[in-house]
């Protein structure tokens, strides 16, 4: 959380390099801790949700870093891997799909949210599509499709996605 907070604040204070450095230092620590935890394995609901929360936080911070799109994709993958492991072990998730009331509350905050640079998303999609001939096993195909869907979804702004979610929920 410190990494995310420092990166967020440094966005409002671009001349304060100490904040950016603090954000990166805390990010490195969070990544090291997550790596250590992942290497030990996932055993309890609490461990899984803590790892998932860390991945989510690192995803959000990646969006605040000017060249963070490759890391954004890596941590999206990390979220998928941790969630998959939790599902296999039938561990309870504390993160739930948003209900209608929560979607309505988020609307005003997402209206002004910036989109992701289309050159980055198009590059990610192009790179993934170039790897398609290498994907042969069923597990690889499923993972590839998830990664491609994520890159394609990154082309849609948060506000557009919220409107689609609300329409599909009948609002």
C-alpha atoms as a PDB file:
ATOM      1  CA  UNK A   1       0.000   0.000   0.000  1.00  0.00           C
ATOM      2  CA  UNK A   2       2.901   2.347   0.688  1.00  0.00           C
ATOM      3  CA  UNK A   3       4.144   1.847  -2.861  1.00  0.00           C
ATOM      4  CA  UNK A   4       0.739   2.665  -4.325  1.00  0.00           C
ATOM      5  CA  UNK A   5       0.292   5.695  -2.068  1.00  0.00           C
ATOM      6  CA  UNK A   6       3.742   7.088  -2.877  1.00  0.00           C
ATOM      7  CA  UNK A   7       3.196   6.623  -6.623  1.00  0.00           C
ATOM      8  CA  UNK A   8      -0.217   8.254  -6.444  1.00  0.00           C
ATOM      9  CA  UNK A   9       1.077  11.254  -4.495  1.00  0.00           C
ATOM     10  CA  UNK A  10       4.125  11.608  -6.764  1.00  0.00           C
ATOM     11  CA  UNK A  11       1.717  11.978  -9.696  1.00  0.00           C
ATOM     12  CA  UNK A  12       0.475  15.181  -8.074  1.00  0.00           C
ATOM     13  CA  UNK A  13       4.014  16.313  -7.180  1.00  0.00           C
ATOM     14  CA  UNK A  14       6.071  15.511 -10.305  1.00  0.00           C
ATOM     15  CA  UNK A  15       9.043  17.586  -9.094  1.00  0.00           C
ATOM     16  CA  UNK A  16       9.448  15.537  -5.907  1.00  0.00           C
ATOM     17  CA  UNK A  17      11.727  12.682  -6.979  1.00  0.00           C
ATOM     18  CA  UNK A  18      11.896  11.399  -3.380  1.00  0.00           C
ATOM     19  CA  UNK A  19       8.239  10.331  -3.585  1.00  0.00           C
ATOM     20  CA  UNK A  20       8.784   8.469  -6.850  1.00  0.00           C
ATOM     21  CA  UNK A  21      11.866   6.774  -5.390  1.00  0.00           C
ATOM     22  CA  UNK A  22       9.929   5.830  -2.259  1.00  0.00           C
ATOM     23  CA  UNK A  23       7.176   4.338  -4.420  1.00  0.00           C
ATOM     24  CA  UNK A  24       9.664   2.222  -6.356  1.00  0.00           C
ATOM     25  CA  UNK A  25      11.498   1.097  -3.188  1.00  0.00           C
ATOM     26  CA  UNK A  26       8.258  -0.020  -1.541  1.00  0.00           C
ATOM     27  CA  UNK A  27       7.206  -1.680  -4.799  1.00  0.00           C
ATOM     28  CA  UNK A  28      10.418  -3.714  -4.883  1.00  0.00           C
ATOM     29  CA  UNK A  29       9.843  -4.813  -1.281  1.00  0.00           C
ATOM     30  CA  UNK A  30       6.252  -5.808  -2.045  1.00  0.00           C
ATOM     31  CA  UNK A  31       7.358  -7.814  -5.091  1.00  0.00           C
ATOM     32  CA  UNK A  32      10.098  -9.561  -3.095  1.00  0.00           C
ATOM     33  CA  UNK A  33       7.636 -10.433  -0.316  1.00  0.00           C
ATOM     34  CA  UNK A  34       5.077 -11.690  -2.825  1.00  0.00           C
ATOM     35  CA  UNK A  35       7.721 -13.829  -4.550  1.00  0.00           C
ATOM     36  CA  UNK A  36       8.761 -15.347  -1.235  1.00  0.00           C
ATOM     37  CA  UNK A  37       5.139 -16.080  -0.310  1.00  0.00           C
ATOM     38  CA  UNK A  38       4.398 -17.614  -3.719  1.00  0.00           C
ATOM     39  CA  UNK A  39       7.466 -19.851  -3.523  1.00  0.00           C
ATOM     40  CA  UNK A  40       6.249 -21.176  -0.150  1.00  0.00           C
ATOM     41  CA  UNK A  41       2.886 -21.998  -1.664  1.00  0.00           C
ATOM     42  CA  UNK A  42      -0.666 -21.100  -0.897  1.00  0.00           C
ATOM     43  CA  UNK A  43      -2.138 -22.946   2.090  1.00  0.00           C
ATOM     44  CA  UNK A  44      -4.884 -20.858   3.690  1.00  0.00           C
ATOM     45  CA  UNK A  45      -7.662 -18.503   2.674  1.00  0.00           C
ATOM     46  CA  UNK A  46      -5.863 -15.652   4.450  1.00  0.00           C
ATOM     47  CA  UNK A  47      -2.600 -16.262   2.589  1.00  0.00           C
ATOM     48  CA  UNK A  48      -4.395 -16.425  -0.743  1.00  0.00           C
ATOM     49  CA  UNK A  49      -6.376 -13.263  -0.185  1.00  0.00           C
ATOM     50  CA  UNK A  50      -3.275 -11.412   1.058  1.00  0.00           C
ATOM     51  CA  UNK A  51      -1.393 -12.471  -2.088  1.00  0.00           C
ATOM     52  CA  UNK A  52      -4.338 -11.483  -4.262  1.00  0.00           C
ATOM     53  CA  UNK A  53      -4.602  -8.083  -2.542  1.00  0.00           C
ATOM     54  CA  UNK A  54      -0.875  -7.540  -3.101  1.00  0.00           C
ATOM     55  CA  UNK A  55      -1.233  -8.407  -6.787  1.00  0.00           C
ATOM     56  CA  UNK A  56      -4.209  -6.039  -7.125  1.00  0.00           C
ATOM     57  CA  UNK A  57      -2.268  -3.248  -5.431  1.00  0.00           C
ATOM     58  CA  UNK A  58       0.720  -3.802  -7.722  1.00  0.00           C
ATOM     59  CA  UNK A  59      -1.620  -3.789 -10.752  1.00  0.00           C
ATOM     60  CA  UNK A  60      -3.061  -0.437  -9.693  1.00  0.00           C
ATOM     61  CA  UNK A  61       0.395   0.990  -9.054  1.00  0.00           C
ATOM     62  CA  UNK A  62       1.550  -0.205 -12.493  1.00  0.00           C
ATOM     63  CA  UNK A  63      -1.155   1.977 -14.020  1.00  0.00           C
ATOM     64  CA  UNK A  64       0.383   5.007 -12.268  1.00  0.00           C
ATOM     65  CA  UNK A  65       3.922   4.366 -13.533  1.00  0.00           C
ATOM     66  CA  UNK A  66       4.689   5.899 -16.929  1.00  0.00           C
ATOM     67  CA  UNK A  67       6.267   2.724 -18.364  1.00  0.00           C
ATOM     68  CA  UNK A  68       4.312   0.281 -16.211  1.00  0.00           C
ATOM     69  CA  UNK A  69       2.198  -1.485 -18.856  1.00  0.00           C
ATOM     70  CA  UNK A  70       4.408  -4.617 -19.102  1.00  0.00           C
ATOM     71  CA  UNK A  71       4.323  -4.922 -15.314  1.00  0.00           C
ATOM     72  CA  UNK A  72       0.578  -4.274 -15.393  1.00  0.00           C
ATOM     73  CA  UNK A  73       0.185  -7.332 -17.624  1.00  0.00           C
ATOM     74  CA  UNK A  74       2.497  -9.393 -15.381  1.00  0.00           C
ATOM     75  CA  UNK A  75       0.532  -8.602 -12.251  1.00  0.00           C
ATOM     76  CA  UNK A  76      -2.789  -9.254 -14.004  1.00  0.00           C
ATOM     77  CA  UNK A  77      -1.309 -12.665 -14.737  1.00  0.00           C
ATOM     78  CA  UNK A  78      -0.295 -12.928 -11.068  1.00  0.00           C
ATOM     79  CA  UNK A  79      -3.890 -12.204 -10.024  1.00  0.00           C
ATOM     80  CA  UNK A  80      -5.060 -14.984 -12.333  1.00  0.00           C
ATOM     81  CA  UNK A  81      -2.505 -17.478 -11.012  1.00  0.00           C
ATOM     82  CA  UNK A  82      -3.278 -16.775  -7.348  1.00  0.00           C
ATOM     83  CA  UNK A  83      -7.042 -16.847  -7.975  1.00  0.00           C
ATOM     84  CA  UNK A  84      -6.679 -20.118  -9.895  1.00  0.00           C
ATOM     85  CA  UNK A  85      -4.680 -21.689  -7.045  1.00  0.00           C
ATOM     86  CA  UNK A  86      -7.303 -20.525  -4.559  1.00  0.00           C
ATOM     87  CA  UNK A  87     -10.052 -21.992  -6.724  1.00  0.00           C
ATOM     88  CA  UNK A  88      -8.260 -25.336  -7.026  1.00  0.00           C
ATOM     89  CA  UNK A  89      -7.896 -25.482  -3.240  1.00  0.00           C
ATOM     90  CA  UNK A  90     -11.499 -24.267  -2.800  1.00  0.00           C
ATOM     91  CA  UNK A  91     -10.436 -21.319  -0.643  1.00  0.00           C
ATOM     92  CA  UNK A  92     -12.918 -18.490  -0.037  1.00  0.00           C
ATOM     93  CA  UNK A  93     -12.340 -15.167  -1.786  1.00  0.00           C
ATOM     94  CA  UNK A  94     -12.879 -11.947   0.157  1.00  0.00           C
ATOM     95  CA  UNK A  95     -13.067 -10.065  -3.162  1.00  0.00           C
ATOM     96  CA  UNK A  96     -16.539 -10.400  -4.636  1.00  0.00           C
ATOM     97  CA  UNK A  97     -18.094  -9.238  -7.882  1.00  0.00           C
ATOM     98  CA  UNK A  98     -19.564  -5.762  -7.460  1.00  0.00           C
ATOM     99  CA  UNK A  99     -23.304  -5.567  -6.930  1.00  0.00           C
ATOM    100  CA  UNK A 100     -25.608  -2.944  -8.492  1.00  0.00           C
ATOM    101  CA  UNK A 101     -25.369  -0.548  -5.545  1.00  0.00           C
ATOM    102  CA  UNK A 102     -21.557  -0.627  -5.607  1.00  0.00           C
ATOM    103  CA  UNK A 103     -21.521  -0.103  -9.383  1.00  0.00           C
ATOM    104  CA  UNK A 104     -23.764   2.967  -8.998  1.00  0.00           C
ATOM    105  CA  UNK A 105     -21.456   4.421  -6.318  1.00  0.00           C
ATOM    106  CA  UNK A 106     -18.369   3.950  -8.507  1.00  0.00           C
ATOM    107  CA  UNK A 107     -19.837   5.741 -11.536  1.00  0.00           C
ATOM    108  CA  UNK A 108     -18.909   9.333 -10.651  1.00  0.00           C
ATOM    109  CA  UNK A 109     -15.336   8.326  -9.790  1.00  0.00           C
ATOM    110  CA  UNK A 110     -14.764   6.487 -13.052  1.00  0.00           C
ATOM    111  CA  UNK A 111     -16.176   9.122 -15.421  1.00  0.00           C
ATOM    112  CA  UNK A 112     -12.915  11.055 -15.571  1.00  0.00           C
ATOM    113  CA  UNK A 113     -10.596   8.060 -15.403  1.00  0.00           C
ATOM    114  CA  UNK A 114      -7.919   8.163 -18.102  1.00  0.00           C
ATOM    115  CA  UNK A 115      -7.750   5.383 -20.642  1.00  0.00           C
ATOM    116  CA  UNK A 116      -4.661   3.323 -21.349  1.00  0.00           C
ATOM    117  CA  UNK A 117      -2.541   4.466 -24.298  1.00  0.00           C
ATOM    118  CA  UNK A 118      -3.887   2.555 -27.359  1.00  0.00           C
ATOM    119  CA  UNK A 119      -0.349   2.101 -28.715  1.00  0.00           C
ATOM    120  CA  UNK A 120       0.487   0.062 -25.614  1.00  0.00           C
ATOM    121  CA  UNK A 121      -2.615  -2.111 -25.769  1.00  0.00           C
ATOM    122  CA  UNK A 122      -2.279  -2.637 -29.521  1.00  0.00           C
ATOM    123  CA  UNK A 123       1.366  -3.594 -29.012  1.00  0.00           C
ATOM    124  CA  UNK A 124       0.433  -6.058 -26.280  1.00  0.00           C
ATOM    125  CA  UNK A 125      -2.273  -7.621 -28.445  1.00  0.00           C
ATOM    126  CA  UNK A 126       0.101  -7.817 -31.410  1.00  0.00           C
ATOM    127  CA  UNK A 127       2.795  -9.472 -29.296  1.00  0.00           C
ATOM    128  CA  UNK A 128       0.342 -12.007 -27.910  1.00  0.00           C
ATOM    129  CA  UNK A 129      -1.019 -12.778 -31.373  1.00  0.00           C
ATOM    130  CA  UNK A 130       2.543 -13.310 -32.628  1.00  0.00           C
ATOM    131  CA  UNK A 131       2.980 -15.966 -29.911  1.00  0.00           C
ATOM    132  CA  UNK A 132      -0.172 -17.834 -30.992  1.00  0.00           C
ATOM    133  CA  UNK A 133       1.688 -20.481 -33.067  1.00  0.00           C
ATOM    134  CA  UNK A 134       3.652 -21.470 -29.943  1.00  0.00           C
ATOM    135  CA  UNK A 135       0.497 -22.257 -27.963  1.00  0.00           C
ATOM    136  CA  UNK A 136      -0.252 -25.972 -28.319  1.00  0.00           C
ATOM    137  CA  UNK A 137      -1.412 -27.577 -25.051  1.00  0.00           C
ATOM    138  CA  UNK A 138      -4.915 -27.110 -23.645  1.00  0.00           C
ATOM    139  CA  UNK A 139      -3.645 -25.335 -20.516  1.00  0.00           C
ATOM    140  CA  UNK A 140      -1.525 -23.016 -22.679  1.00  0.00           C
ATOM    141  CA  UNK A 141      -4.535 -22.269 -24.891  1.00  0.00           C
ATOM    142  CA  UNK A 142      -6.723 -21.378 -21.913  1.00  0.00           C
ATOM    143  CA  UNK A 143      -4.007 -19.152 -20.435  1.00  0.00           C
ATOM    144  CA  UNK A 144      -3.328 -17.531 -23.809  1.00  0.00           C
ATOM    145  CA  UNK A 145      -7.021 -16.737 -24.293  1.00  0.00           C
ATOM    146  CA  UNK A 146      -7.195 -15.152 -20.824  1.00  0.00           C
ATOM    147  CA  UNK A 147      -4.143 -12.993 -21.513  1.00  0.00           C
ATOM    148  CA  UNK A 148      -5.527 -11.915 -24.892  1.00  0.00           C
ATOM    149  CA  UNK A 149      -8.890 -11.036 -23.306  1.00  0.00           C
ATOM    150  CA  UNK A 150      -7.105  -8.937 -20.671  1.00  0.00           C
ATOM    151  CA  UNK A 151      -5.103  -7.038 -23.295  1.00  0.00           C
ATOM    152  CA  UNK A 152      -8.263  -6.451 -25.336  1.00  0.00           C
ATOM    153  CA  UNK A 153     -10.180  -5.354 -22.231  1.00  0.00           C
ATOM    154  CA  UNK A 154      -7.433  -2.809 -21.483  1.00  0.00           C
ATOM    155  CA  UNK A 155      -8.573  -0.980 -24.627  1.00  0.00           C
ATOM    156  CA  UNK A 156     -11.886  -0.189 -22.929  1.00  0.00           C
ATOM    157  CA  UNK A 157     -11.996   2.618 -20.384  1.00  0.00           C
ATOM    158  CA  UNK A 158     -13.163   1.951 -16.830  1.00  0.00           C
ATOM    159  CA  UNK A 159     -16.185   4.175 -17.414  1.00  0.00           C
ATOM    160  CA  UNK A 160     -17.235   2.273 -20.569  1.00  0.00           C
ATOM    161  CA  UNK A 161     -16.855  -1.032 -18.757  1.00  0.00           C
ATOM    162  CA  UNK A 162     -18.929   0.202 -15.810  1.00  0.00           C
ATOM    163  CA  UNK A 163     -21.728   1.248 -18.180  1.00  0.00           C
ATOM    164  CA  UNK A 164     -21.655  -2.185 -19.858  1.00  0.00           C
ATOM    165  CA  UNK A 165     -21.753  -3.916 -16.445  1.00  0.00           C
ATOM    166  CA  UNK A 166     -24.709  -1.818 -15.309  1.00  0.00           C
ATOM    167  CA  UNK A 167     -26.603  -2.441 -18.558  1.00  0.00           C
ATOM    168  CA  UNK A 168     -26.000  -6.196 -18.299  1.00  0.00           C
ATOM    169  CA  UNK A 169     -27.331  -6.064 -14.717  1.00  0.00           C
ATOM    170  CA  UNK A 170     -30.494  -4.320 -15.932  1.00  0.00           C
ATOM    171  CA  UNK A 171     -29.696  -0.767 -14.729  1.00  0.00           C
END
